């Protein structure tokens, strides 16, 4: 399942070499939502794995980012106990440029002295 979310980068963690063949790097973004004049803030922790670990290098804490990610879940059993884990696996990170409204320009130039039919 692929999703994306926009938020403010609040923390970047160091890369972890989990074993000989697997490495990961985690980061956290702050996401705010608004409902009935109330603000709700969530802190979402993502992981980058393998060759994606360096994707976060070009972003500074405090910057606004758009994170594309997959939602994954695992079942783990040990000693008769079952546990479930969720992971937010980021695979692309972009700058979230200023979302101000820009004027639309369709490229059509209408001469001032020409009578147009509308």
N, C-alpha and C. Protein backbone atom coordinates (compact mmCIF):
# COMPACT_ATOMS: atom_id res chain seq x y z
N UNK A 1 0.84 -1.17 0.00
CA UNK A 1 0.00 0.00 0.00
C UNK A 1 0.89 1.23 0.00
N UNK A 2 0.69 2.12 -0.95
CA UNK A 2 1.50 3.32 -1.08
C UNK A 2 0.71 4.55 -0.64
N UNK A 3 1.36 5.40 0.16
CA UNK A 3 0.75 6.61 0.68
C UNK A 3 1.75 7.75 0.60
N UNK A 4 1.27 8.97 0.86
CA UNK A 4 2.19 10.09 1.05
C UNK A 4 1.61 11.02 2.10
N UNK A 5 2.51 11.77 2.75
CA UNK A 5 2.11 12.69 3.81
C UNK A 5 3.08 13.86 3.81
N UNK A 6 2.57 15.03 4.17
CA UNK A 6 3.40 16.23 4.26
C UNK A 6 3.52 16.61 5.72
N UNK A 7 4.74 16.93 6.14
CA UNK A 7 4.96 17.33 7.51
C UNK A 7 6.31 18.01 7.68
N UNK A 8 6.61 18.37 8.92
CA UNK A 8 7.87 19.04 9.24
C UNK A 8 8.84 18.01 9.81
N UNK A 9 10.04 17.98 9.25
CA UNK A 9 11.08 17.06 9.72
C UNK A 9 11.55 17.51 11.10
N UNK A 10 11.40 16.64 12.11
CA UNK A 10 11.79 17.01 13.47
C UNK A 10 13.01 16.26 13.98
N UNK A 11 13.32 15.11 13.40
CA UNK A 11 14.50 14.37 13.87
C UNK A 11 14.97 13.38 12.82
N UNK A 12 16.31 13.28 12.72
CA UNK A 12 16.95 12.29 11.85
C UNK A 12 17.87 11.46 12.73
N UNK A 13 17.80 10.15 12.58
CA UNK A 13 18.64 9.26 13.37
C UNK A 13 19.78 8.73 12.50
N UNK A 14 20.81 8.23 13.15
CA UNK A 14 21.95 7.65 12.43
C UNK A 14 21.55 6.32 11.79
N UNK A 15 22.26 5.98 10.76
CA UNK A 15 22.06 4.69 10.08
C UNK A 15 22.44 3.56 11.03
N UNK A 16 21.65 2.48 11.01
CA UNK A 16 21.92 1.30 11.85
C UNK A 16 22.18 0.10 10.95
N UNK A 17 23.28 -0.58 11.19
CA UNK A 17 23.57 -1.83 10.49
C UNK A 17 22.97 -2.93 11.35
N UNK A 18 21.79 -3.42 11.01
CA UNK A 18 21.06 -4.39 11.83
C UNK A 18 21.74 -5.75 11.80
N UNK A 19 22.16 -6.18 10.62
CA UNK A 19 22.96 -7.41 10.48
C UNK A 19 23.83 -7.27 9.24
N UNK A 20 24.47 -8.34 8.82
CA UNK A 20 25.40 -8.25 7.69
C UNK A 20 24.73 -7.82 6.38
N UNK A 21 23.45 -8.09 6.25
CA UNK A 21 22.78 -7.82 4.98
C UNK A 21 21.67 -6.77 5.06
N UNK A 22 21.45 -6.17 6.23
CA UNK A 22 20.32 -5.24 6.37
C UNK A 22 20.73 -4.00 7.16
N UNK A 23 20.44 -2.83 6.58
CA UNK A 23 20.66 -1.57 7.29
C UNK A 23 19.42 -0.70 7.15
N UNK A 24 19.23 0.19 8.14
CA UNK A 24 18.08 1.07 8.11
C UNK A 24 18.44 2.41 8.75
N UNK A 25 17.63 3.41 8.44
CA UNK A 25 17.78 4.73 9.05
C UNK A 25 16.38 5.27 9.29
N UNK A 26 16.17 5.83 10.47
CA UNK A 26 14.85 6.31 10.84
C UNK A 26 14.83 7.84 10.93
N UNK A 27 13.64 8.40 10.72
CA UNK A 27 13.43 9.84 10.88
C UNK A 27 11.98 10.07 11.30
N UNK A 28 11.72 11.26 11.85
CA UNK A 28 10.40 11.59 12.38
C UNK A 28 9.92 12.89 11.76
N UNK A 29 8.64 12.90 11.37
CA UNK A 29 8.02 14.15 10.93
C UNK A 29 6.82 14.47 11.82
N UNK A 30 6.54 15.75 11.93
CA UNK A 30 5.39 16.23 12.69
C UNK A 30 4.28 16.57 11.70
N UNK A 31 3.11 16.02 11.95
CA UNK A 31 1.96 16.23 11.07
C UNK A 31 0.82 16.78 11.92
N UNK A 32 0.22 17.86 11.47
CA UNK A 32 -0.91 18.45 12.19
C UNK A 32 -2.18 18.31 11.38
N UNK A 33 -3.26 18.02 12.08
CA UNK A 33 -4.57 17.96 11.43
C UNK A 33 -5.53 18.82 12.24
N UNK A 34 -6.56 19.30 11.58
CA UNK A 34 -7.49 20.23 12.21
C UNK A 34 -8.89 19.66 12.14
N UNK A 35 -9.62 19.75 13.27
CA UNK A 35 -10.97 19.22 13.33
C UNK A 35 -11.76 20.04 14.33
N UNK A 36 -12.83 20.67 13.88
CA UNK A 36 -13.71 21.46 14.75
C UNK A 36 -12.93 22.44 15.61
N UNK A 37 -12.10 23.24 14.99
CA UNK A 37 -11.30 24.28 15.65
C UNK A 37 -10.27 23.73 16.62
N UNK A 38 -9.97 22.45 16.54
CA UNK A 38 -8.93 21.84 17.38
C UNK A 38 -7.79 21.38 16.48
N UNK A 39 -6.59 21.46 17.01
CA UNK A 39 -5.41 21.00 16.28
C UNK A 39 -4.90 19.73 16.93
N UNK A 40 -4.64 18.73 16.12
CA UNK A 40 -4.09 17.46 16.60
C UNK A 40 -2.73 17.27 15.95
N UNK A 41 -1.73 17.01 16.76
CA UNK A 41 -0.38 16.84 16.24
C UNK A 41 0.06 15.39 16.44
N UNK A 42 0.58 14.81 15.37
CA UNK A 42 1.12 13.45 15.42
C UNK A 42 2.59 13.50 15.03
N UNK A 43 3.36 12.60 15.60
CA UNK A 43 4.77 12.44 15.25
C UNK A 43 4.92 11.06 14.64
N UNK A 44 5.23 11.02 13.35
CA UNK A 44 5.30 9.77 12.60
C UNK A 44 6.75 9.38 12.37
N UNK A 45 7.08 8.16 12.76
CA UNK A 45 8.45 7.66 12.61
C UNK A 45 8.51 6.74 11.39
N UNK A 46 9.37 7.10 10.45
CA UNK A 46 9.55 6.34 9.22
C UNK A 46 10.90 5.65 9.24
N UNK A 47 11.03 4.64 8.39
CA UNK A 47 12.33 4.02 8.20
C UNK A 47 12.69 4.00 6.72
N UNK A 48 13.98 4.20 6.48
CA UNK A 48 14.57 4.04 5.15
C UNK A 48 15.43 2.80 5.23
N UNK A 49 15.39 1.95 4.22
CA UNK A 49 16.17 0.71 4.28
C UNK A 49 17.09 0.58 3.08
N UNK A 50 18.19 -0.13 3.33
CA UNK A 50 19.18 -0.47 2.31
C UNK A 50 19.69 0.77 1.57
N UNK A 51 19.56 0.79 0.24
CA UNK A 51 20.11 1.89 -0.56
C UNK A 51 19.31 3.19 -0.41
N UNK A 52 18.21 3.18 0.30
CA UNK A 52 17.39 4.39 0.51
C UNK A 52 17.84 5.19 1.74
N UNK A 53 18.76 4.66 2.54
CA UNK A 53 19.16 5.30 3.80
C UNK A 53 19.65 6.74 3.62
N UNK A 54 20.25 7.05 2.51
CA UNK A 54 20.81 8.38 2.29
C UNK A 54 19.78 9.40 1.80
N UNK A 55 18.55 8.98 1.54
CA UNK A 55 17.55 9.91 1.01
C UNK A 55 17.30 11.11 1.93
N UNK A 56 17.46 10.94 3.22
CA UNK A 56 17.16 12.00 4.18
C UNK A 56 18.32 12.98 4.34
N UNK A 57 19.49 12.65 3.81
CA UNK A 57 20.69 13.48 3.99
C UNK A 57 20.52 14.92 3.52
N UNK A 58 19.80 15.14 2.46
CA UNK A 58 19.67 16.48 1.87
C UNK A 58 18.61 17.35 2.54
N UNK A 59 18.01 16.88 3.62
CA UNK A 59 16.95 17.63 4.28
C UNK A 59 17.37 18.02 5.69
N UNK A 60 17.04 19.25 6.07
CA UNK A 60 17.40 19.76 7.39
C UNK A 60 16.22 19.64 8.33
N UNK A 61 16.53 19.43 9.60
CA UNK A 61 15.48 19.44 10.63
C UNK A 61 14.79 20.79 10.57
N UNK A 62 13.46 20.77 10.60
CA UNK A 62 12.66 21.99 10.50
C UNK A 62 12.09 22.23 9.12
N UNK A 63 12.61 21.53 8.11
CA UNK A 63 12.10 21.74 6.75
C UNK A 63 10.81 20.97 6.53
N UNK A 64 10.00 21.47 5.62
CA UNK A 64 8.74 20.82 5.27
C UNK A 64 9.01 19.80 4.16
N UNK A 65 8.56 18.57 4.37
CA UNK A 65 8.85 17.49 3.42
C UNK A 65 7.57 16.73 3.07
N UNK A 66 7.61 16.13 1.90
CA UNK A 66 6.55 15.21 1.47
C UNK A 66 7.19 13.83 1.41
N UNK A 67 6.65 12.90 2.18
CA UNK A 67 7.20 11.55 2.28
C UNK A 67 6.26 10.58 1.59
N UNK A 68 6.80 9.82 0.65
CA UNK A 68 6.07 8.73 -0.01
C UNK A 68 6.50 7.45 0.69
N UNK A 69 5.53 6.63 1.07
CA UNK A 69 5.87 5.46 1.87
C UNK A 69 4.90 4.31 1.64
N UNK A 70 5.34 3.14 2.04
CA UNK A 70 4.50 1.94 2.05
C UNK A 70 4.20 1.59 3.50
N UNK A 71 2.99 1.17 3.74
CA UNK A 71 2.57 0.72 5.06
C UNK A 71 2.71 -0.79 5.09
N UNK A 72 3.51 -1.28 6.04
CA UNK A 72 3.74 -2.72 6.15
C UNK A 72 3.45 -3.19 7.56
N UNK A 73 3.08 -4.44 7.69
CA UNK A 73 2.80 -5.03 8.99
C UNK A 73 3.34 -6.44 9.07
N UNK A 74 3.75 -6.83 10.25
CA UNK A 74 4.31 -8.16 10.46
C UNK A 74 3.68 -8.81 11.70
N UNK A 75 3.59 -10.11 11.64
CA UNK A 75 3.15 -10.91 12.78
C UNK A 75 4.37 -11.64 13.31
N UNK A 76 4.55 -11.62 14.63
CA UNK A 76 5.70 -12.26 15.26
C UNK A 76 5.22 -13.09 16.44
N UNK A 77 5.65 -14.35 16.48
CA UNK A 77 5.26 -15.25 17.56
C UNK A 77 6.49 -15.77 18.29
N UNK A 78 6.40 -15.77 19.62
CA UNK A 78 7.48 -16.31 20.44
C UNK A 78 6.90 -16.78 21.76
N UNK A 79 7.24 -17.99 22.14
CA UNK A 79 6.79 -18.58 23.41
C UNK A 79 5.28 -18.51 23.57
N UNK A 80 4.55 -18.74 22.50
CA UNK A 80 3.09 -18.75 22.56
C UNK A 80 2.45 -17.38 22.54
N UNK A 81 3.24 -16.34 22.49
CA UNK A 81 2.70 -14.97 22.43
C UNK A 81 2.80 -14.45 21.00
N UNK A 82 1.74 -13.80 20.57
CA UNK A 82 1.71 -13.22 19.24
C UNK A 82 1.73 -11.70 19.35
N UNK A 83 2.60 -11.10 18.55
CA UNK A 83 2.68 -9.63 18.52
C UNK A 83 2.60 -9.18 17.07
N UNK A 84 2.12 -7.96 16.87
CA UNK A 84 2.00 -7.38 15.55
C UNK A 84 2.77 -6.06 15.50
N UNK A 85 3.44 -5.82 14.39
CA UNK A 85 4.24 -4.62 14.21
C UNK A 85 3.85 -3.94 12.91
N UNK A 86 3.86 -2.63 12.92
CA UNK A 86 3.65 -1.83 11.72
C UNK A 86 4.91 -1.06 11.39
N UNK A 87 5.19 -0.90 10.12
CA UNK A 87 6.34 -0.12 9.67
C UNK A 87 5.87 0.86 8.59
N UNK A 88 6.44 2.05 8.63
CA UNK A 88 6.23 3.04 7.59
C UNK A 88 7.53 3.12 6.80
N UNK A 89 7.57 2.43 5.67
CA UNK A 89 8.79 2.34 4.86
C UNK A 89 8.80 3.44 3.80
N UNK A 90 9.61 4.46 4.05
CA UNK A 90 9.73 5.57 3.10
C UNK A 90 10.56 5.14 1.90
N UNK A 91 10.15 5.58 0.72
CA UNK A 91 10.91 5.25 -0.49
C UNK A 91 11.19 6.48 -1.35
N UNK A 92 10.61 7.62 -0.97
CA UNK A 92 10.89 8.88 -1.67
C UNK A 92 10.60 10.04 -0.72
N UNK A 93 11.47 11.06 -0.74
CA UNK A 93 11.27 12.25 0.08
C UNK A 93 11.49 13.46 -0.82
N UNK A 94 10.56 14.42 -0.72
CA UNK A 94 10.64 15.63 -1.55
C UNK A 94 10.51 16.86 -0.66
N UNK A 95 11.08 17.98 -1.12
CA UNK A 95 10.81 19.26 -0.48
C UNK A 95 9.35 19.58 -0.71
N UNK A 96 8.69 20.05 0.33
CA UNK A 96 7.32 20.53 0.15
C UNK A 96 7.43 22.03 -0.05
N UNK A 97 7.41 22.45 -1.30
CA UNK A 97 7.55 23.87 -1.61
C UNK A 97 6.36 24.64 -1.09
N UNK A 98 6.53 25.93 -0.97
CA UNK A 98 5.48 26.80 -0.45
C UNK A 98 4.18 26.54 -1.20
N UNK A 99 3.13 26.30 -0.45
CA UNK A 99 1.85 25.93 -1.05
C UNK A 99 0.98 27.13 -1.38
N UNK A 100 1.58 28.34 -1.48
CA UNK A 100 0.78 29.51 -1.81
C UNK A 100 0.18 29.36 -3.21
N UNK A 101 -0.93 30.01 -3.43
CA UNK A 101 -1.60 29.96 -4.72
C UNK A 101 -0.85 30.82 -5.72
N UNK A 102 -0.55 30.27 -6.84
CA UNK A 102 0.13 31.00 -7.90
C UNK A 102 -0.88 31.31 -9.00
N UNK A 103 -0.75 32.47 -9.64
CA UNK A 103 -1.70 32.79 -10.71
C UNK A 103 -1.57 31.82 -11.87
N UNK A 104 -2.70 31.50 -12.45
CA UNK A 104 -2.74 30.59 -13.58
C UNK A 104 -2.31 31.33 -14.84
N UNK A 105 -1.45 30.74 -15.63
CA UNK A 105 -1.01 31.33 -16.89
C UNK A 105 -1.16 30.28 -17.97
N UNK A 106 -2.14 30.48 -18.86
CA UNK A 106 -2.36 29.50 -19.92
C UNK A 106 -1.55 29.80 -21.17
N UNK A 107 -0.80 30.91 -21.17
CA UNK A 107 0.07 31.23 -22.30
C UNK A 107 -0.61 31.93 -23.45
N UNK A 108 -1.91 32.16 -23.38
CA UNK A 108 -2.65 32.80 -24.46
C UNK A 108 -2.60 34.31 -24.27
N UNK A 109 -2.19 35.01 -25.32
CA UNK A 109 -2.14 36.47 -25.27
C UNK A 109 -3.25 37.01 -26.16
N UNK A 110 -4.12 37.83 -25.58
CA UNK A 110 -5.21 38.44 -26.33
C UNK A 110 -4.89 39.92 -26.51
N UNK A 111 -4.77 40.38 -27.76
CA UNK A 111 -4.51 41.81 -28.00
C UNK A 111 -5.63 42.66 -27.42
N UNK A 112 -5.26 43.83 -26.89
CA UNK A 112 -6.24 44.71 -26.25
C UNK A 112 -7.30 45.22 -27.21
N UNK A 113 -6.94 45.43 -28.46
CA UNK A 113 -7.90 45.99 -29.41
C UNK A 113 -8.75 44.94 -30.12
N UNK A 114 -8.55 43.68 -29.80
CA UNK A 114 -9.32 42.62 -30.46
C UNK A 114 -10.58 42.33 -29.66
N UNK A 115 -11.70 42.28 -30.36
CA UNK A 115 -12.98 41.99 -29.73
C UNK A 115 -13.11 40.47 -29.62
N UNK A 116 -13.18 39.98 -28.41
CA UNK A 116 -13.30 38.54 -28.20
C UNK A 116 -14.76 38.18 -27.97
N UNK A 117 -15.18 36.97 -28.31
CA UNK A 117 -16.60 36.60 -28.26
C UNK A 117 -17.13 36.27 -26.87
N UNK A 118 -16.46 36.64 -25.83
CA UNK A 118 -16.99 36.35 -24.49
C UNK A 118 -16.78 37.50 -23.56
